[in-house]
Amino acid sequence: MTSHAVFTGLINLLLGMGLGVAGGLLGIGGGLIAIPLLGYLYGMDQHLAQGTALVMIAPNVLIGFWRYHQRHPVHVRSVALICVFSMGATYVAARFAAGLDANLLHTAFAVFLIVLAVYFASQLKEKPNAAGAAHAVPHTMPAAALPLMGIASGAMSGIFTVGGGLVVVSALVTFFGMPQTRAQGMALALVVPGSLIALAAYAHAGHVDWGTGIPLAAGGVVSVSWGVALAYRFSARRLRLAFCAVLLGTALMMLLVKPA
């Protein structure tokens, strides 16, 4: 192994550590930020960037979920039911996304992030009964909503690799009154099987750079728990503000820096 390869591996390891902290903090496994960074740093097209990011996302979300679960136990039966529908939708969507034009997928990803950021920003305005809402009991999720959430989560995960977690967080917070940190923990539980299936689909299509993805994953495994611990130091409002800022910043980076 040459000195250049060792240096590159070390850089990717450190980058993975930074992405792991961000992923644990925001509940998205670091992949959201990794995808445009891989395109900018290594000139990867959208397919290759998403597939390579999945190498890091898969172990990171598993550890992130476990850390959130230790603080706020997730309802395992609900997660299992959603996962059944999510996994099927993820596989179909990932195979579809692998055949899309890379530039089209790149632009669609950026637009998707902007729409989510605008939506989350609209939820930041304080409600008149905000004081009581902070202690309100979350609504019970109806059984009919679980398959729908699984299909939506799986479809977004298959197309954008990180989209499923974002959709689940927004749905749980908005429609079921779930606290941000609890919603992020549940979203990570759903992303775990979906990320593995999406990784298999992207790898089958040849859209994975394992030499870059493995050191990123190693760095993330070391640091994702730090990000989860940091998330519990933030108020719900500050956590959502950080979430919106990352979404918008990532989208702007993607729109301004086109893949090679």
Protein backbone atom coordinates (compact mmCIF):
# COMPACT_ATOMS: atom_id res chain seq x y z
CA MET A 1 0.00 0.00 0.00
CA THR A 2 1.45 3.39 -1.03
CA SER A 3 1.78 6.38 1.27
CA HIS A 4 -0.84 8.19 -0.84
CA ALA A 5 -3.33 5.37 -0.28
CA VAL A 6 -2.65 5.43 3.48
CA PHE A 7 -3.12 9.21 3.58
CA THR A 8 -6.35 9.01 1.61
CA GLY A 9 -7.66 6.26 3.89
CA LEU A 10 -6.84 8.37 6.96
CA ILE A 11 -8.64 11.39 5.49
CA ASN A 12 -11.69 9.25 4.77
CA LEU A 13 -11.57 7.86 8.30
CA LEU A 14 -11.57 11.39 9.79
CA LEU A 15 -14.28 12.47 7.36
CA GLY A 16 -16.34 9.47 8.43
CA MET A 17 -15.95 10.50 12.08
CA GLY A 18 -17.29 13.97 11.32
CA LEU A 19 -20.18 12.53 9.34
CA GLY A 20 -20.90 10.07 12.14
CA VAL A 21 -21.32 12.91 14.65
CA ALA A 22 -23.61 14.76 12.24
CA GLY A 23 -25.60 11.62 11.56
CA GLY A 24 -26.07 10.80 15.23
CA LEU A 25 -27.07 14.39 15.99
CA LEU A 26 -29.63 14.66 13.18
CA GLY A 27 -30.71 11.02 12.98
CA ILE A 28 -29.74 10.54 9.33
CA GLY A 29 -26.59 8.41 9.55
CA GLY A 30 -24.37 11.09 8.01
CA GLY A 31 -25.35 10.02 4.51
CA LEU A 32 -27.22 13.22 3.78
CA ILE A 33 -24.00 15.22 3.99
CA ALA A 34 -21.76 12.46 2.64
CA ILE A 35 -23.47 12.25 -0.75
CA PRO A 36 -22.68 15.80 -1.98
CA LEU A 37 -19.24 15.67 -0.33
CA LEU A 38 -18.32 12.53 -2.25
CA GLY A 39 -19.38 14.22 -5.45
CA TYR A 40 -17.38 17.35 -4.63
CA LEU A 41 -14.22 15.69 -3.27
CA TYR A 42 -13.97 12.68 -5.57
CA GLY A 43 -16.04 13.70 -8.59
CA MET A 44 -18.49 10.83 -8.09
CA ASP A 45 -21.74 10.98 -10.01
CA GLN A 46 -24.99 10.78 -8.01
CA HIS A 47 -25.34 7.01 -8.37
CA LEU A 48 -21.82 6.27 -7.15
CA ALA A 49 -22.02 8.83 -4.34
CA GLN A 50 -25.29 7.41 -3.04
CA GLY A 51 -24.08 3.82 -3.27
CA THR A 52 -20.76 4.59 -1.56
CA ALA A 53 -22.51 6.59 1.18
CA LEU A 54 -24.65 3.53 1.91
CA VAL A 55 -21.52 1.62 3.00
CA MET A 56 -21.24 4.14 5.83
CA ILE A 57 -24.95 4.61 6.44
CA ALA A 58 -25.75 0.94 7.15
CA PRO A 59 -23.58 0.48 10.29
CA ASN A 60 -24.03 4.08 11.45
CA VAL A 61 -27.81 3.93 11.57
CA LEU A 62 -27.69 0.62 13.42
CA ILE A 63 -25.51 2.09 16.17
CA GLY A 64 -27.47 5.36 16.17
CA PHE A 65 -30.74 3.48 16.57
CA TRP A 66 -29.38 1.47 19.50
CA ARG A 67 -28.22 4.63 21.28
CA TYR A 68 -31.60 6.35 20.81
CA HIS A 69 -33.39 3.16 21.84
CA GLN A 70 -31.43 3.08 25.11
CA ARG A 71 -32.83 6.52 26.02
CA HIS A 72 -36.31 6.20 24.49
CA PRO A 73 -37.29 2.57 23.77
CA VAL A 74 -38.85 2.13 20.35
CA HIS A 75 -42.11 0.21 19.90
CA VAL A 76 -40.63 -2.85 18.23
CA ARG A 77 -43.89 -4.26 16.82
CA SER A 78 -44.75 -1.01 15.04
CA VAL A 79 -41.24 -0.77 13.61
CA ALA A 80 -41.32 -4.40 12.46
CA LEU A 81 -44.62 -3.90 10.61
CA ILE A 82 -43.38 -0.74 8.92
CA CYS A 83 -40.12 -2.48 7.96
CA VAL A 84 -41.93 -5.28 6.15
CA PHE A 85 -43.48 -2.78 3.72
CA SER A 86 -40.42 -0.54 3.71
CA MET A 87 -38.01 -3.28 2.60
CA GLY A 88 -40.11 -4.25 -0.40
CA ALA A 89 -40.56 -0.63 -1.48
CA THR A 90 -36.84 0.07 -0.98
CA TYR A 91 -35.75 -2.73 -3.30
CA VAL A 92 -38.12 -1.73 -6.10
CA ALA A 93 -37.23 1.97 -5.77
CA ALA A 94 -33.47 1.33 -5.61
CA ARG A 95 -33.54 -0.76 -8.79
CA PHE A 96 -35.53 2.03 -10.45
CA ALA A 97 -33.15 4.76 -9.22
CA ALA A 98 -30.09 2.82 -10.42
CA GLY A 99 -31.37 3.17 -13.96
CA LEU A 100 -32.10 6.91 -13.83
CA ASP A 101 -29.90 9.56 -15.40
CA ALA A 102 -27.32 10.60 -12.76
CA ASN A 103 -27.79 14.34 -13.35
CA LEU A 104 -31.56 14.03 -13.07
CA LEU A 105 -31.20 12.08 -9.82
CA HIS A 106 -28.75 14.71 -8.53
CA THR A 107 -31.17 17.58 -9.16
CA ALA A 108 -34.17 15.65 -7.83
CA PHE A 109 -32.27 14.94 -4.60
CA ALA A 110 -31.50 18.65 -4.10
CA VAL A 111 -35.12 19.67 -4.75
CA PHE A 112 -36.33 16.98 -2.34
CA LEU A 113 -34.10 18.41 0.40
CA ILE A 114 -35.33 21.96 -0.22
CA VAL A 115 -38.97 20.87 0.02
CA LEU A 116 -38.27 19.10 3.31
CA ALA A 117 -36.35 22.10 4.69
CA VAL A 118 -39.20 24.48 3.85
CA TYR A 119 -41.66 22.09 5.45
CA PHE A 120 -39.62 21.76 8.66
CA ALA A 121 -39.08 25.53 8.79
CA SER A 122 -42.85 26.04 8.63
CA GLN A 123 -43.17 23.91 11.78
CA LEU A 124 -40.77 26.08 13.79
CA LYS A 125 -43.29 28.83 14.51
CA GLU A 126 -44.42 28.67 18.11
CA LYS A 127 -48.03 27.58 18.58
CA PRO A 128 -50.26 29.47 21.07
CA ASN A 129 -50.38 26.40 23.31
CA ALA A 130 -46.69 25.56 22.90
CA ALA A 131 -46.08 25.49 26.65
CA GLY A 132 -48.54 22.67 27.14
CA ALA A 133 -47.62 20.93 23.92
CA ALA A 134 -44.14 20.23 25.19
CA HIS A 135 -45.63 17.84 27.74
CA ALA A 136 -48.42 16.50 25.56
CA VAL A 137 -48.80 12.76 25.14
CA PRO A 138 -48.00 11.64 21.56
CA HIS A 139 -50.95 10.39 19.51
CA THR A 140 -51.28 6.66 18.98
CA MET A 141 -50.37 5.64 15.44
CA PRO A 142 -53.35 3.93 13.76
CA ALA A 143 -52.57 0.51 12.33
CA ALA A 144 -53.54 1.63 8.83
CA ALA A 145 -50.85 4.33 8.87
CA LEU A 146 -47.99 1.90 9.46
CA PRO A 147 -47.95 0.22 6.00
CA LEU A 148 -48.32 3.61 4.29
CA MET A 149 -45.40 5.00 6.27
CA GLY A 150 -43.34 1.92 5.39
CA ILE A 151 -44.02 2.26 1.67
CA ALA A 152 -43.25 6.00 1.66
CA SER A 153 -40.10 5.48 3.72
CA GLY A 154 -38.92 2.60 1.54
CA ALA A 155 -39.55 4.45 -1.70
CA MET A 156 -37.57 7.49 -0.57
CA SER A 157 -34.76 5.32 0.84
CA GLY A 158 -34.48 3.41 -2.40
CA ILE A 159 -34.36 6.52 -4.58
CA PHE A 160 -32.33 8.88 -2.39
CA THR A 161 -30.75 6.41 0.12
CA VAL A 162 -31.45 8.77 3.05
CA GLY A 163 -34.92 10.00 2.14
CA GLY A 164 -36.83 7.42 4.14
CA GLY A 165 -35.55 8.60 7.50
CA LEU A 166 -36.39 12.21 6.69
CA VAL A 167 -39.96 11.34 5.68
CA VAL A 168 -40.52 9.27 8.81
CA VAL A 169 -39.19 11.97 11.14
CA SER A 170 -41.44 14.64 9.64
CA ALA A 171 -44.51 12.37 9.71
CA LEU A 172 -43.99 11.24 13.31
CA VAL A 173 -43.39 14.78 14.59
CA THR A 174 -46.21 16.45 12.66
CA PHE A 175 -49.02 13.90 12.60
CA PHE A 176 -48.40 11.96 15.80
CA GLY A 177 -46.88 14.62 18.07
CA MET A 178 -43.75 12.56 18.72
CA PRO A 179 -40.74 14.40 20.24
CA GLN A 180 -37.95 15.08 17.74
CA THR A 181 -35.38 12.80 19.40
CA ARG A 182 -37.84 9.90 19.73
CA ALA A 183 -38.90 10.33 16.10
CA GLN A 184 -35.26 10.28 14.98
CA GLY A 185 -34.66 7.06 16.90
CA MET A 186 -37.66 5.36 15.30
CA ALA A 187 -36.64 6.62 11.86
CA LEU A 188 -33.20 5.08 12.30
CA ALA A 189 -34.80 1.74 13.18
CA LEU A 190 -36.64 1.83 9.85
CA VAL A 191 -33.57 2.88 7.88
CA VAL A 192 -31.45 -0.08 9.05
CA PRO A 193 -33.02 -2.83 6.88
CA GLY A 194 -33.74 -0.40 4.04
CA SER A 195 -30.14 0.76 3.87
CA LEU A 196 -28.88 -2.83 3.62
CA ILE A 197 -31.29 -3.62 0.80
CA ALA A 198 -30.47 -0.38 -1.02
CA LEU A 199 -26.73 -1.10 -0.64
CA ALA A 200 -27.21 -4.55 -2.18
CA ALA A 201 -29.13 -3.04 -5.12
CA TYR A 202 -26.54 -0.30 -5.74
CA ALA A 203 -23.65 -2.76 -5.40
CA HIS A 204 -25.31 -5.11 -7.87
CA ALA A 205 -25.49 -2.22 -10.34
CA GLY A 206 -21.79 -1.41 -9.75
CA HIS A 207 -22.47 1.91 -8.01
CA VAL A 208 -20.28 1.42 -4.89
CA ASP A 209 -16.67 2.49 -4.24
CA TRP A 210 -15.76 0.13 -1.39
CA GLY A 211 -12.25 1.57 -0.98
CA THR A 212 -13.75 4.93 -0.01
CA GLY A 213 -16.85 3.65 1.75
CA ILE A 214 -15.17 1.29 4.24
CA PRO A 215 -12.94 3.90 5.94
CA LEU A 216 -15.90 6.30 6.04
CA ALA A 217 -17.93 3.59 7.75
CA ALA A 218 -15.14 2.86 10.25
CA GLY A 219 -14.93 6.53 11.21
CA GLY A 220 -18.69 6.79 11.58
CA VAL A 221 -18.89 3.72 13.80
CA VAL A 222 -16.44 5.37 16.21
CA SER A 223 -18.26 8.71 16.45
CA VAL A 224 -21.99 8.26 15.82
CA SER A 225 -22.68 7.72 19.54
CA TRP A 226 -21.16 11.15 20.27
CA GLY A 227 -23.69 12.73 17.93
CA VAL A 228 -26.61 10.96 19.61
CA ALA A 229 -25.44 12.17 23.02
CA LEU A 230 -25.16 15.70 21.62
CA ALA A 231 -28.72 15.56 20.25
CA TYR A 232 -30.08 15.21 23.79
CA ARG A 233 -28.33 18.44 24.79
CA PHE A 234 -30.31 20.42 22.21
CA SER A 235 -33.86 21.72 22.65
CA ALA A 236 -36.37 20.41 20.10
CA ARG A 237 -36.47 23.83 18.42
CA ARG A 238 -32.68 24.06 18.08
CA LEU A 239 -32.49 20.50 16.79
CA ARG A 240 -35.06 21.31 14.10
CA LEU A 241 -33.24 24.52 13.20
CA ALA A 242 -30.02 22.54 12.77
CA PHE A 243 -31.92 19.98 10.70
CA CYS A 244 -33.29 22.71 8.39
CA ALA A 245 -29.88 24.37 8.06
CA VAL A 246 -28.23 21.08 7.04
CA LEU A 247 -30.98 20.32 4.53
CA LEU A 248 -30.73 23.74 2.87
CA GLY A 249 -26.93 23.82 2.96
CA THR A 250 -26.69 20.39 1.38
CA ALA A 251 -29.25 21.24 -1.31
CA LEU A 252 -27.47 24.48 -2.25
CA MET A 253 -24.12 22.68 -2.42
CA MET A 254 -25.62 20.11 -4.76
CA LEU A 255 -27.21 22.70 -7.02
CA LEU A 256 -24.06 24.84 -7.22
CA VAL A 257 -21.58 21.96 -7.57
CA LYS A 258 -22.65 19.64 -10.35
CA PRO A 259 -21.13 16.14 -10.55
CA ALA A 260 -18.29 15.55 -12.98
